[in-house]
Amino acid sequence: LSADYVENIGYSRSKTLERSGIDMDPQTKGYLAQVAVGMPTMLLKNDWQVSVAYRYLEADAVLDAFTDSNFHLGGTNNKGFILGGQYGLGKNTWLTARWLSSNQITGLPLAIDVLQVYFNAKF
């Protein structure tokens, strides 16, 4: 079980209004919660792990450059689920699959789903 929380305490609504002329509600919060069951690392044949996570990241929570480029194809202003699984094929060899499903929080609706499959070997 893991969780992360972020809040941009440097955001200034008054400075944004002064510079842009637009009064915008602060969108400065984000969080990620994850549950994983199984082996913590894939070392042996038949080791396994499954996980589910929920991510919520408002538009001004962090710099876009520091976000996961796979989830919603990068950036902020997104929310959604990440489903994952890993299975050990042999000693230090395993298969990983992740399904990332995201939706835009504000603005025009935009949904992006990504499937990733990796073959991993450790030596």
C-alpha atoms as a PDB file:
ATOM      1  CA  LEU A   1       0.000   0.000   0.000  1.00  0.00           C
ATOM      2  CA  SER A   2       1.428   3.393  -0.939  1.00  0.00           C
ATOM      3  CA  ALA A   3       0.159   6.936  -1.294  1.00  0.00           C
ATOM      4  CA  ASP A   4       1.541  10.302  -2.415  1.00  0.00           C
ATOM      5  CA  TYR A   5       0.110  13.789  -2.026  1.00  0.00           C
ATOM      6  CA  VAL A   6       1.278  17.039  -3.597  1.00  0.00           C
ATOM      7  CA  GLU A   7       0.114  20.636  -3.228  1.00  0.00           C
ATOM      8  CA  ASN A   8       1.614  23.623  -5.000  1.00  0.00           C
ATOM      9  CA  ILE A   9       1.935  26.129  -2.135  1.00  0.00           C
ATOM     10  CA  GLY A  10       3.656  28.663  -4.404  1.00  0.00           C
ATOM     11  CA  TYR A  11       0.619  29.267  -6.620  1.00  0.00           C
ATOM     12  CA  SER A  12      -0.737  32.809  -6.333  1.00  0.00           C
ATOM     13  CA  ARG A  13      -4.253  33.513  -7.548  1.00  0.00           C
ATOM     14  CA  SER A  14      -3.659  37.276  -7.387  1.00  0.00           C
ATOM     15  CA  LYS A  15      -0.458  37.117  -9.473  1.00  0.00           C
ATOM     16  CA  THR A  16      -2.199  34.946 -12.056  1.00  0.00           C
ATOM     17  CA  LEU A  17      -5.034  37.491 -12.278  1.00  0.00           C
ATOM     18  CA  GLU A  18      -2.539  40.367 -12.513  1.00  0.00           C
ATOM     19  CA  ARG A  19      -0.538  38.744 -15.327  1.00  0.00           C
ATOM     20  CA  SER A  20      -3.324  37.204 -17.382  1.00  0.00           C
ATOM     21  CA  GLY A  21      -6.403  39.251 -16.551  1.00  0.00           C
ATOM     22  CA  ILE A  22      -8.286  36.009 -15.879  1.00  0.00           C
ATOM     23  CA  ASP A  23      -9.497  35.031 -12.410  1.00  0.00           C
ATOM     24  CA  MET A  24      -8.849  31.296 -12.187  1.00  0.00           C
ATOM     25  CA  ASP A  25      -9.702  28.937  -9.353  1.00  0.00           C
ATOM     26  CA  PRO A  26      -6.573  27.319  -7.906  1.00  0.00           C
ATOM     27  CA  GLN A  27      -5.962  23.802  -9.206  1.00  0.00           C
ATOM     28  CA  THR A  28      -2.969  22.932  -7.054  1.00  0.00           C
ATOM     29  CA  LYS A  29      -3.570  19.474  -5.585  1.00  0.00           C
ATOM     30  CA  GLY A  30      -2.708  15.960  -6.613  1.00  0.00           C
ATOM     31  CA  TYR A  31      -2.502  12.472  -5.178  1.00  0.00           C
ATOM     32  CA  LEU A  32      -1.747   8.872  -6.073  1.00  0.00           C
ATOM     33  CA  ALA A  33      -2.887   5.814  -4.111  1.00  0.00           C
ATOM     34  CA  GLN A  34      -1.720   2.300  -4.963  1.00  0.00           C
ATOM     35  CA  VAL A  35      -2.334  -1.224  -3.721  1.00  0.00           C
ATOM     36  CA  ALA A  36       0.022  -4.021  -4.823  1.00  0.00           C
ATOM     37  CA  VAL A  37      -0.217  -7.717  -3.918  1.00  0.00           C
ATOM     38  CA  GLY A  38       2.422 -10.359  -4.555  1.00  0.00           C
ATOM     39  CA  MET A  39       6.212 -10.431  -4.560  1.00  0.00           C
ATOM     40  CA  PRO A  40       7.994  -7.063  -4.233  1.00  0.00           C
ATOM     41  CA  THR A  41      10.560  -8.042  -6.909  1.00  0.00           C
ATOM     42  CA  MET A  42      10.506 -10.549  -9.740  1.00  0.00           C
ATOM     43  CA  LEU A  43      13.501 -12.823  -9.125  1.00  0.00           C
ATOM     44  CA  LEU A  44      12.262 -16.400  -9.621  1.00  0.00           C
ATOM     45  CA  LYS A  45      10.019 -18.345 -11.954  1.00  0.00           C
ATOM     46  CA  ASN A  46       6.307 -18.019 -11.038  1.00  0.00           C
ATOM     47  CA  ASP A  47       6.831 -14.881  -8.917  1.00  0.00           C
ATOM     48  CA  TRP A  48       3.910 -12.541  -9.491  1.00  0.00           C
ATOM     49  CA  GLN A  49       2.474  -9.175  -8.548  1.00  0.00           C
ATOM     50  CA  VAL A  50      -0.750  -7.332  -9.391  1.00  0.00           C
ATOM     51  CA  SER A  51      -1.485  -3.697  -8.625  1.00  0.00           C
ATOM     52  CA  VAL A  52      -4.129  -1.039  -8.982  1.00  0.00           C
ATOM     53  CA  ALA A  53      -3.589   2.699  -8.571  1.00  0.00           C
ATOM     54  CA  TYR A  54      -5.680   5.848  -8.816  1.00  0.00           C
ATOM     55  CA  ARG A  55      -4.061   9.134  -9.791  1.00  0.00           C
ATOM     56  CA  TYR A  56      -5.509  12.665  -9.629  1.00  0.00           C
ATOM     57  CA  LEU A  57      -3.358  15.646 -10.673  1.00  0.00           C
ATOM     58  CA  GLU A  58      -4.815  19.127 -11.097  1.00  0.00           C
ATOM     59  CA  ALA A  59      -3.517  21.590 -13.697  1.00  0.00           C
ATOM     60  CA  ASP A  60      -1.189  23.638 -11.458  1.00  0.00           C
ATOM     61  CA  ALA A  61      -0.141  20.962  -8.952  1.00  0.00           C
ATOM     62  CA  VAL A  62       3.366  20.378 -10.403  1.00  0.00           C
ATOM     63  CA  LEU A  63       5.442  21.382 -13.402  1.00  0.00           C
ATOM     64  CA  ASP A  64       4.410  19.437 -16.495  1.00  0.00           C
ATOM     65  CA  ALA A  65       8.051  18.482 -17.115  1.00  0.00           C
ATOM     66  CA  PHE A  66       8.106  16.346 -13.937  1.00  0.00           C
ATOM     67  CA  THR A  67       5.058  14.172 -14.599  1.00  0.00           C
ATOM     68  CA  ASP A  68       4.854  10.589 -15.867  1.00  0.00           C
ATOM     69  CA  SER A  69       4.992  10.814 -19.674  1.00  0.00           C
ATOM     70  CA  ASN A  70       3.040   7.553 -20.024  1.00  0.00           C
ATOM     71  CA  PHE A  71      -0.035   8.562 -18.026  1.00  0.00           C
ATOM     72  CA  HIS A  72      -2.339  10.785 -20.161  1.00  0.00           C
ATOM     73  CA  LEU A  73       0.709  11.155 -22.476  1.00  0.00           C
ATOM     74  CA  GLY A  74       2.312  13.443 -19.879  1.00  0.00           C
ATOM     75  CA  GLY A  75       1.341  16.708 -18.267  1.00  0.00           C
ATOM     76  CA  THR A  76      -1.170  17.622 -15.601  1.00  0.00           C
ATOM     77  CA  ASN A  77      -4.971  18.087 -15.456  1.00  0.00           C
ATOM     78  CA  ASN A  78      -5.715  14.363 -15.497  1.00  0.00           C
ATOM     79  CA  LYS A  79      -7.165  11.574 -13.391  1.00  0.00           C
ATOM     80  CA  GLY A  80      -7.597   7.850 -13.782  1.00  0.00           C
ATOM     81  CA  PHE A  81      -6.551   4.292 -13.017  1.00  0.00           C
ATOM     82  CA  ILE A  82      -3.432   2.225 -13.576  1.00  0.00           C
ATOM     83  CA  LEU A  83      -3.800  -1.558 -13.569  1.00  0.00           C
ATOM     84  CA  GLY A  84      -0.617  -3.613 -13.607  1.00  0.00           C
ATOM     85  CA  GLY A  85       0.713  -7.107 -13.397  1.00  0.00           C
ATOM     86  CA  GLN A  86       4.076  -8.867 -13.419  1.00  0.00           C
ATOM     87  CA  TYR A  87       4.917 -12.548 -13.808  1.00  0.00           C
ATOM     88  CA  GLY A  88       8.261 -14.310 -13.421  1.00  0.00           C
ATOM     89  CA  LEU A  89       9.117 -16.396 -16.496  1.00  0.00           C
ATOM     90  CA  GLY A  90      12.436 -17.652 -15.130  1.00  0.00           C
ATOM     91  CA  LYS A  91      15.260 -16.579 -12.860  1.00  0.00           C
ATOM     92  CA  ASN A  92      15.626 -12.773 -13.258  1.00  0.00           C
ATOM     93  CA  THR A  93      13.284 -12.778 -16.287  1.00  0.00           C
ATOM     94  CA  TRP A  94       9.727 -11.506 -16.163  1.00  0.00           C
ATOM     95  CA  LEU A  95       6.847 -10.036 -18.133  1.00  0.00           C
ATOM     96  CA  THR A  96       5.177  -6.767 -17.128  1.00  0.00           C
ATOM     97  CA  ALA A  97       1.868  -5.339 -18.402  1.00  0.00           C
ATOM     98  CA  ARG A  98       0.192  -2.031 -17.478  1.00  0.00           C
ATOM     99  CA  TRP A  99      -3.111  -0.464 -18.532  1.00  0.00           C
ATOM    100  CA  LEU A 100      -3.241   3.302 -17.983  1.00  0.00           C
ATOM    101  CA  SER A 101      -6.700   4.857 -18.352  1.00  0.00           C
ATOM    102  CA  SER A 102      -7.002   8.612 -17.882  1.00  0.00           C
ATOM    103  CA  ASN A 103      -9.477  11.447 -18.335  1.00  0.00           C
ATOM    104  CA  GLN A 104      -9.011  15.190 -18.357  1.00  0.00           C
ATOM    105  CA  ILE A 105     -10.238  16.928 -15.168  1.00  0.00           C
ATOM    106  CA  THR A 106     -11.244  20.351 -16.544  1.00  0.00           C
ATOM    107  CA  GLY A 107     -11.752  21.695 -20.045  1.00  0.00           C
ATOM    108  CA  LEU A 108     -12.871  19.730 -23.066  1.00  0.00           C
ATOM    109  CA  PRO A 109     -13.292  16.000 -22.460  1.00  0.00           C
ATOM    110  CA  LEU A 110     -10.241  13.939 -23.377  1.00  0.00           C
ATOM    111  CA  ALA A 111      -9.732  10.265 -22.494  1.00  0.00           C
ATOM    112  CA  ILE A 112      -6.473   8.435 -23.214  1.00  0.00           C
ATOM    113  CA  ASP A 113      -5.891   4.710 -22.677  1.00  0.00           C
ATOM    114  CA  VAL A 114      -2.429   3.165 -22.981  1.00  0.00           C
ATOM    115  CA  LEU A 115      -1.402  -0.501 -22.847  1.00  0.00           C
ATOM    116  CA  GLN A 116       2.250  -1.288 -22.135  1.00  0.00           C
ATOM    117  CA  VAL A 117       3.840  -4.750 -22.252  1.00  0.00           C
ATOM    118  CA  TYR A 118       7.489  -5.264 -21.319  1.00  0.00           C
ATOM    119  CA  PHE A 119       9.804  -8.254 -21.368  1.00  0.00           C
ATOM    120  CA  ASN A 120      12.448  -7.741 -18.666  1.00  0.00           C
ATOM    121  CA  ALA A 121      15.738  -9.511 -17.999  1.00  0.00           C
ATOM    122  CA  LYS A 122      18.119  -8.755 -15.156  1.00  0.00           C
ATOM    123  CA  PHE A 123      21.762  -9.783 -15.268  1.00  0.00           C
END
